[in-house]
Amino acid sequence: MQEQRAVTRSERKEATRQAILDAALVLSADTGLGGLSLRSVAKAVGIVPTAFYRHFASIEELGIALVDEAFASLRKMLRDLRRDMDVQRVIDDSVAILARNVRERRGHFMFIARERVGGLPAVREAIRQELALFERELATDVARLPEMQPWTTEDLRVLANLIVGAMVETAEAIMTAPPGRPDIEREVVRTAERQLRMVVIGAANWQSSRDD
């Protein structure tokens, strides 16, 4: 029988860190991050409270790590999708990717929706920065389109803000849809696609001026 490879110290540490993140995500669903205690997280993971500090300096730092975990894979998928800027395809595929992520990582999206408006200040700021990063990356990619060459940086930022705002509303609408009602989610997706098409049509007729 082939011997099993020994688990390294760094792998054990990473596994414990991930267990802390997973436990905090579940526990904070009831209390919010602000009501979460270090001891309750440590108990759920099966470690002593002092061991928590080997991974995170505070509950706020843990929350910021959860924000990064929630956004990282979605941001990469959308960034990769926009490498080929076929606008219609990007709209449909972006909404589909968002909907799938909300279904598969519902706990993370519920965490973001909850903490974005009523969470700890440092965590709210981390979410704001992540959404701002989405906007900056989107504005940079949209600027590559030939028809957008005359646009000002500010107008590109406003367009990206409109699109990201619509995506946030779409994610929250999917999360609040009653369980077992895929028809409602499909309608949310169709509405989001129409909204984004309207934004794109309006943008195509917008006369960007550097004199504004």
C-alpha atoms as a PDB file:
ATOM      1  CA  MET A   1       0.000   0.000   0.000  1.00  0.00           C
ATOM      2  CA  GLN A   2       1.314   3.402  -0.963  1.00  0.00           C
ATOM      3  CA  GLU A   3       2.146   5.527   2.060  1.00  0.00           C
ATOM      4  CA  GLN A   4       0.078   8.639   2.525  1.00  0.00           C
ATOM      5  CA  ARG A   5       1.965  11.891   2.205  1.00  0.00           C
ATOM      6  CA  ALA A   6       2.468  13.602   5.535  1.00  0.00           C
ATOM      7  CA  VAL A   7       0.491  16.794   5.962  1.00  0.00           C
ATOM      8  CA  THR A   8       2.856  19.706   6.352  1.00  0.00           C
ATOM      9  CA  ARG A   9       2.602  22.314   9.087  1.00  0.00           C
ATOM     10  CA  SER A  10       1.703  25.005   6.561  1.00  0.00           C
ATOM     11  CA  GLU A  11      -1.096  22.831   5.151  1.00  0.00           C
ATOM     12  CA  ARG A  12      -2.506  22.260   8.642  1.00  0.00           C
ATOM     13  CA  LYS A  13      -2.336  25.971   9.321  1.00  0.00           C
ATOM     14  CA  GLU A  14      -4.129  26.779   6.063  1.00  0.00           C
ATOM     15  CA  ALA A  15      -6.794  24.158   6.816  1.00  0.00           C
ATOM     16  CA  THR A  16      -7.421  25.694  10.248  1.00  0.00           C
ATOM     17  CA  ARG A  17      -7.581  29.182   8.751  1.00  0.00           C
ATOM     18  CA  GLN A  18     -10.175  28.015   6.224  1.00  0.00           C
ATOM     19  CA  ALA A  19     -12.154  26.288   8.980  1.00  0.00           C
ATOM     20  CA  ILE A  20     -12.247  29.589  10.890  1.00  0.00           C
ATOM     21  CA  LEU A  21     -13.531  31.414   7.800  1.00  0.00           C
ATOM     22  CA  ASP A  22     -16.184  28.761   7.169  1.00  0.00           C
ATOM     23  CA  ALA A  23     -17.342  28.779  10.804  1.00  0.00           C
ATOM     24  CA  ALA A  24     -17.515  32.588  10.912  1.00  0.00           C
ATOM     25  CA  LEU A  25     -19.592  32.640   7.720  1.00  0.00           C
ATOM     26  CA  VAL A  26     -22.148  30.260   9.236  1.00  0.00           C
ATOM     27  CA  LEU A  27     -22.239  31.817  12.721  1.00  0.00           C
ATOM     28  CA  SER A  28     -22.473  35.415  11.475  1.00  0.00           C
ATOM     29  CA  ALA A  29     -25.653  34.554   9.545  1.00  0.00           C
ATOM     30  CA  ASP A  30     -27.493  34.727  12.886  1.00  0.00           C
ATOM     31  CA  THR A  31     -25.602  37.467  14.704  1.00  0.00           C
ATOM     32  CA  GLY A  32     -23.940  39.572  12.035  1.00  0.00           C
ATOM     33  CA  LEU A  33     -20.192  39.920  12.169  1.00  0.00           C
ATOM     34  CA  GLY A  34     -20.437  42.571  14.883  1.00  0.00           C
ATOM     35  CA  GLY A  35     -22.196  40.117  17.182  1.00  0.00           C
ATOM     36  CA  LEU A  36     -19.702  37.345  16.590  1.00  0.00           C
ATOM     37  CA  SER A  37     -17.356  36.432  19.409  1.00  0.00           C
ATOM     38  CA  LEU A  38     -13.866  35.075  18.988  1.00  0.00           C
ATOM     39  CA  ARG A  39     -14.677  32.332  21.497  1.00  0.00           C
ATOM     40  CA  SER A  40     -17.714  31.105  19.577  1.00  0.00           C
ATOM     41  CA  VAL A  41     -15.679  30.817  16.380  1.00  0.00           C
ATOM     42  CA  ALA A  42     -12.852  29.013  18.163  1.00  0.00           C
ATOM     43  CA  LYS A  43     -15.325  26.609  19.779  1.00  0.00           C
ATOM     44  CA  ALA A  44     -16.951  25.810  16.421  1.00  0.00           C
ATOM     45  CA  VAL A  45     -13.543  25.045  14.886  1.00  0.00           C
ATOM     46  CA  GLY A  46     -12.295  23.098  17.900  1.00  0.00           C
ATOM     47  CA  ILE A  47      -9.344  25.280  18.802  1.00  0.00           C
ATOM     48  CA  VAL A  48      -8.502  27.280  21.912  1.00  0.00           C
ATOM     49  CA  PRO A  49      -9.341  31.004  21.680  1.00  0.00           C
ATOM     50  CA  THR A  50      -5.676  32.043  21.735  1.00  0.00           C
ATOM     51  CA  ALA A  51      -5.069  29.931  18.615  1.00  0.00           C
ATOM     52  CA  PHE A  52      -7.403  32.255  16.709  1.00  0.00           C
ATOM     53  CA  TYR A  53      -4.725  34.966  16.819  1.00  0.00           C
ATOM     54  CA  ARG A  54      -2.303  32.780  14.875  1.00  0.00           C
ATOM     55  CA  HIS A  55      -4.543  33.369  11.878  1.00  0.00           C
ATOM     56  CA  PHE A  56      -6.349  36.684  12.396  1.00  0.00           C
ATOM     57  CA  ALA A  57      -5.587  39.691  14.566  1.00  0.00           C
ATOM     58  CA  SER A  58      -9.267  40.483  15.174  1.00  0.00           C
ATOM     59  CA  ILE A  59     -12.835  39.723  14.107  1.00  0.00           C
ATOM     60  CA  GLU A  60     -12.587  42.708  11.741  1.00  0.00           C
ATOM     61  CA  GLU A  61      -9.551  41.182  10.021  1.00  0.00           C
ATOM     62  CA  LEU A  62     -11.475  37.913   9.737  1.00  0.00           C
ATOM     63  CA  GLY A  63     -14.366  39.815   8.142  1.00  0.00           C
ATOM     64  CA  ILE A  64     -12.062  41.466   5.616  1.00  0.00           C
ATOM     65  CA  ALA A  65     -10.724  38.018   4.673  1.00  0.00           C
ATOM     66  CA  LEU A  66     -14.309  36.856   4.108  1.00  0.00           C
ATOM     67  CA  VAL A  67     -14.910  39.859   1.840  1.00  0.00           C
ATOM     68  CA  ASP A  68     -11.841  38.942  -0.216  1.00  0.00           C
ATOM     69  CA  GLU A  69     -12.954  35.314  -0.384  1.00  0.00           C
ATOM     70  CA  ALA A  70     -16.425  36.353  -1.546  1.00  0.00           C
ATOM     71  CA  PHE A  71     -15.222  38.599  -4.373  1.00  0.00           C
ATOM     72  CA  ALA A  72     -11.975  37.047  -5.632  1.00  0.00           C
ATOM     73  CA  SER A  73     -13.249  34.231  -7.853  1.00  0.00           C
ATOM     74  CA  LEU A  74     -16.178  36.258  -9.254  1.00  0.00           C
ATOM     75  CA  ARG A  75     -13.900  39.160 -10.151  1.00  0.00           C
ATOM     76  CA  LYS A  76     -11.480  36.830 -11.971  1.00  0.00           C
ATOM     77  CA  MET A  77     -14.260  35.136 -13.959  1.00  0.00           C
ATOM     78  CA  LEU A  78     -15.750  38.459 -15.054  1.00  0.00           C
ATOM     79  CA  ARG A  79     -12.311  39.841 -15.895  1.00  0.00           C
ATOM     80  CA  ASP A  80     -11.536  36.805 -18.060  1.00  0.00           C
ATOM     81  CA  LEU A  81     -14.927  37.083 -19.750  1.00  0.00           C
ATOM     82  CA  ARG A  82     -14.276  40.689 -20.785  1.00  0.00           C
ATOM     83  CA  ARG A  83     -11.073  39.872 -22.648  1.00  0.00           C
ATOM     84  CA  ASP A  84     -13.242  39.507 -25.744  1.00  0.00           C
ATOM     85  CA  MET A  85     -15.442  42.598 -25.577  1.00  0.00           C
ATOM     86  CA  ASP A  86     -18.441  41.364 -27.549  1.00  0.00           C
ATOM     87  CA  VAL A  87     -20.925  43.543 -25.678  1.00  0.00           C
ATOM     88  CA  GLN A  88     -24.029  41.363 -26.068  1.00  0.00           C
ATOM     89  CA  ARG A  89     -22.173  38.199 -25.087  1.00  0.00           C
ATOM     90  CA  VAL A  90     -20.530  39.937 -22.143  1.00  0.00           C
ATOM     91  CA  ILE A  91     -23.918  41.114 -20.832  1.00  0.00           C
ATOM     92  CA  ASP A  92     -25.582  37.696 -21.048  1.00  0.00           C
ATOM     93  CA  ASP A  93     -22.584  35.750 -19.758  1.00  0.00           C
ATOM     94  CA  SER A  94     -21.874  38.210 -16.937  1.00  0.00           C
ATOM     95  CA  VAL A  95     -25.417  37.926 -15.603  1.00  0.00           C
ATOM     96  CA  ALA A  96     -25.287  34.120 -15.933  1.00  0.00           C
ATOM     97  CA  ILE A  97     -21.971  33.970 -14.054  1.00  0.00           C
ATOM     98  CA  LEU A  98     -23.321  36.233 -11.322  1.00  0.00           C
ATOM     99  CA  ALA A  99     -26.488  34.151 -10.898  1.00  0.00           C
ATOM    100  CA  ARG A 100     -24.502  30.915 -10.703  1.00  0.00           C
ATOM    101  CA  ASN A 101     -22.138  32.378  -8.113  1.00  0.00           C
ATOM    102  CA  VAL A 102     -25.039  33.570  -5.973  1.00  0.00           C
ATOM    103  CA  ARG A 103     -26.565  30.086  -6.043  1.00  0.00           C
ATOM    104  CA  GLU A 104     -23.313  28.270  -5.337  1.00  0.00           C
ATOM    105  CA  ARG A 105     -21.944  30.707  -2.747  1.00  0.00           C
ATOM    106  CA  ARG A 106     -25.125  32.004  -1.203  1.00  0.00           C
ATOM    107  CA  GLY A 107     -23.596  32.296   2.269  1.00  0.00           C
ATOM    108  CA  HIS A 108     -20.872  34.623   0.989  1.00  0.00           C
ATOM    109  CA  PHE A 109     -23.318  36.836  -0.893  1.00  0.00           C
ATOM    110  CA  MET A 110     -25.669  37.009   2.092  1.00  0.00           C
ATOM    111  CA  PHE A 111     -22.682  38.045   4.190  1.00  0.00           C
ATOM    112  CA  ILE A 112     -21.786  40.831   1.734  1.00  0.00           C
ATOM    113  CA  ALA A 113     -25.379  42.079   1.494  1.00  0.00           C
ATOM    114  CA  ARG A 114     -25.708  42.168   5.283  1.00  0.00           C
ATOM    115  CA  GLU A 115     -22.323  43.679   6.114  1.00  0.00           C
ATOM    116  CA  ARG A 116     -22.396  46.232   3.273  1.00  0.00           C
ATOM    117  CA  VAL A 117     -24.995  48.330   5.062  1.00  0.00           C
ATOM    118  CA  GLY A 118     -24.757  47.392   8.718  1.00  0.00           C
ATOM    119  CA  GLY A 119     -21.412  45.759   9.301  1.00  0.00           C
ATOM    120  CA  LEU A 120     -18.262  46.771  11.091  1.00  0.00           C
ATOM    121  CA  PRO A 121     -16.697  49.942   9.598  1.00  0.00           C
ATOM    122  CA  ALA A 122     -13.520  48.228   8.372  1.00  0.00           C
ATOM    123  CA  VAL A 123     -15.545  45.485   6.697  1.00  0.00           C
ATOM    124  CA  ARG A 124     -17.931  47.985   5.077  1.00  0.00           C
ATOM    125  CA  GLU A 125     -14.902  49.825   3.729  1.00  0.00           C
ATOM    126  CA  ALA A 126     -13.426  46.576   2.373  1.00  0.00           C
ATOM    127  CA  ILE A 127     -16.686  45.881   0.518  1.00  0.00           C
ATOM    128  CA  ARG A 128     -16.755  49.437  -0.828  1.00  0.00           C
ATOM    129  CA  GLN A 129     -13.198  49.052  -2.092  1.00  0.00           C
ATOM    130  CA  GLU A 130     -14.027  45.740  -3.777  1.00  0.00           C
ATOM    131  CA  LEU A 131     -16.993  47.274  -5.606  1.00  0.00           C
ATOM    132  CA  ALA A 132     -14.836  50.259  -6.579  1.00  0.00           C
ATOM    133  CA  LEU A 133     -12.253  47.833  -7.969  1.00  0.00           C
ATOM    134  CA  PHE A 134     -14.970  46.165 -10.055  1.00  0.00           C
ATOM    135  CA  GLU A 135     -15.875  49.597 -11.412  1.00  0.00           C
ATOM    136  CA  ARG A 136     -12.278  50.565 -12.220  1.00  0.00           C
ATOM    137  CA  GLU A 137     -11.565  47.300 -14.006  1.00  0.00           C
ATOM    138  CA  LEU A 138     -14.820  47.513 -15.951  1.00  0.00           C
ATOM    139  CA  ALA A 139     -14.164  51.133 -16.952  1.00  0.00           C
ATOM    140  CA  THR A 140     -10.677  50.174 -18.150  1.00  0.00           C
ATOM    141  CA  ASP A 141     -12.036  47.315 -20.274  1.00  0.00           C
ATOM    142  CA  VAL A 142     -14.912  49.384 -21.710  1.00  0.00           C
ATOM    143  CA  ALA A 143     -12.426  52.106 -22.672  1.00  0.00           C
ATOM    144  CA  ARG A 144     -10.857  49.623 -25.124  1.00  0.00           C
ATOM    145  CA  LEU A 145     -13.980  49.685 -27.302  1.00  0.00           C
ATOM    146  CA  PRO A 146     -13.458  51.906 -30.376  1.00  0.00           C
ATOM    147  CA  GLU A 147     -16.713  53.799 -29.834  1.00  0.00           C
ATOM    148  CA  MET A 148     -15.615  54.681 -26.307  1.00  0.00           C
ATOM    149  CA  GLN A 149     -12.365  56.349 -27.319  1.00  0.00           C
ATOM    150  CA  PRO A 150     -13.807  59.887 -27.120  1.00  0.00           C
ATOM    151  CA  TRP A 151     -15.250  59.298 -23.650  1.00  0.00           C
ATOM    152  CA  THR A 152     -13.863  61.076 -20.629  1.00  0.00           C
ATOM    153  CA  THR A 153     -12.520  59.133 -17.668  1.00  0.00           C
ATOM    154  CA  GLU A 154     -15.360  60.470 -15.532  1.00  0.00           C
ATOM    155  CA  ASP A 155     -18.046  59.304 -17.957  1.00  0.00           C
ATOM    156  CA  LEU A 156     -16.460  55.859 -18.125  1.00  0.00           C
ATOM    157  CA  ARG A 157     -16.507  55.750 -14.331  1.00  0.00           C
ATOM    158  CA  VAL A 158     -20.199  56.727 -14.222  1.00  0.00           C
ATOM    159  CA  LEU A 159     -21.081  54.051 -16.803  1.00  0.00           C
ATOM    160  CA  ALA A 160     -19.185  51.407 -14.826  1.00  0.00           C
ATOM    161  CA  ASN A 161     -20.934  52.559 -11.640  1.00  0.00           C
ATOM    162  CA  LEU A 162     -24.348  52.095 -13.277  1.00  0.00           C
ATOM    163  CA  ILE A 163     -23.468  48.581 -14.442  1.00  0.00           C
ATOM    164  CA  VAL A 164     -21.973  47.451 -11.138  1.00  0.00           C
ATOM    165  CA  GLY A 165     -24.939  48.926  -9.266  1.00  0.00           C
ATOM    166  CA  ALA A 166     -27.324  46.925 -11.454  1.00  0.00           C
ATOM    167  CA  MET A 167     -25.320  43.759 -10.782  1.00  0.00           C
ATOM    168  CA  VAL A 168     -25.448  44.344  -7.014  1.00  0.00           C
ATOM    169  CA  GLU A 169     -29.224  44.793  -7.166  1.00  0.00           C
ATOM    170  CA  THR A 170     -29.496  41.629  -9.272  1.00  0.00           C
ATOM    171  CA  ALA A 171     -27.494  39.573  -6.767  1.00  0.00           C
ATOM    172  CA  GLU A 172     -29.681  40.816  -3.903  1.00  0.00           C
ATOM    173  CA  ALA A 173     -32.872  40.071  -5.862  1.00  0.00           C
ATOM    174  CA  ILE A 174     -31.716  36.504  -6.512  1.00  0.00           C
ATOM    175  CA  MET A 175     -30.871  36.016  -2.829  1.00  0.00           C
ATOM    176  CA  THR A 176     -34.302  37.203  -1.678  1.00  0.00           C
ATOM    177  CA  ALA A 177     -36.230  35.031  -4.145  1.00  0.00           C
ATOM    178  CA  PRO A 178     -38.325  32.368  -2.331  1.00  0.00           C
ATOM    179  CA  PRO A 179     -36.672  28.914  -2.219  1.00  0.00           C
ATOM    180  CA  GLY A 180     -37.893  26.498  -4.848  1.00  0.00           C
ATOM    181  CA  ARG A 181     -38.936  29.256  -7.251  1.00  0.00           C
ATOM    182  CA  PRO A 182     -36.481  29.068 -10.184  1.00  0.00           C
ATOM    183  CA  ASP A 183     -39.035  30.956 -12.281  1.00  0.00           C
ATOM    184  CA  ILE A 184     -38.488  34.048 -10.132  1.00  0.00           C
ATOM    185  CA  GLU A 185     -34.721  33.800 -10.541  1.00  0.00           C
ATOM    186  CA  ARG A 186     -35.122  33.470 -14.315  1.00  0.00           C
ATOM    187  CA  GLU A 187     -37.238  36.625 -14.340  1.00  0.00           C
ATOM    188  CA  VAL A 188     -34.612  38.459 -12.261  1.00  0.00           C
ATOM    189  CA  VAL A 189     -31.952  37.399 -14.768  1.00  0.00           C
ATOM    190  CA  ARG A 190     -34.061  38.505 -17.749  1.00  0.00           C
ATOM    191  CA  THR A 191     -34.711  41.864 -16.106  1.00  0.00           C
ATOM    192  CA  ALA A 192     -31.000  42.343 -15.411  1.00  0.00           C
ATOM    193  CA  GLU A 193     -30.136  41.566 -19.025  1.00  0.00           C
ATOM    194  CA  ARG A 194     -32.707  44.135 -20.226  1.00  0.00           C
ATOM    195  CA  GLN A 195     -31.417  46.741 -17.788  1.00  0.00           C
ATOM    196  CA  LEU A 196     -27.845  46.311 -18.975  1.00  0.00           C
ATOM    197  CA  ARG A 197     -28.879  46.431 -22.630  1.00  0.00           C
ATOM    198  CA  MET A 198     -30.727  49.695 -21.954  1.00  0.00           C
ATOM    199  CA  VAL A 199     -27.632  51.096 -20.246  1.00  0.00           C
ATOM    200  CA  VAL A 200     -25.476  50.086 -23.224  1.00  0.00           C
ATOM    201  CA  ILE A 201     -27.942  51.581 -25.744  1.00  0.00           C
ATOM    202  CA  GLY A 202     -28.023  54.816 -23.781  1.00  0.00           C
ATOM    203  CA  ALA A 203     -24.230  54.860 -23.591  1.00  0.00           C
ATOM    204  CA  ALA A 204     -23.969  54.414 -27.355  1.00  0.00           C
ATOM    205  CA  ASN A 205     -25.926  57.658 -27.833  1.00  0.00           C
ATOM    206  CA  TRP A 206     -24.204  59.618 -25.076  1.00  0.00           C
ATOM    207  CA  GLN A 207     -22.038  62.507 -26.239  1.00  0.00           C
ATOM    208  CA  SER A 208     -19.144  62.591 -23.827  1.00  0.00           C
ATOM    209  CA  SER A 209     -17.641  66.063 -23.529  1.00  0.00           C
ATOM    210  CA  ARG A 210     -14.434  67.117 -21.830  1.00  0.00           C
ATOM    211  CA  ASP A 211     -15.963  70.573 -21.354  1.00  0.00           C
ATOM    212  CA  ASP A 212     -18.571  69.317 -18.796  1.00  0.00           C
END
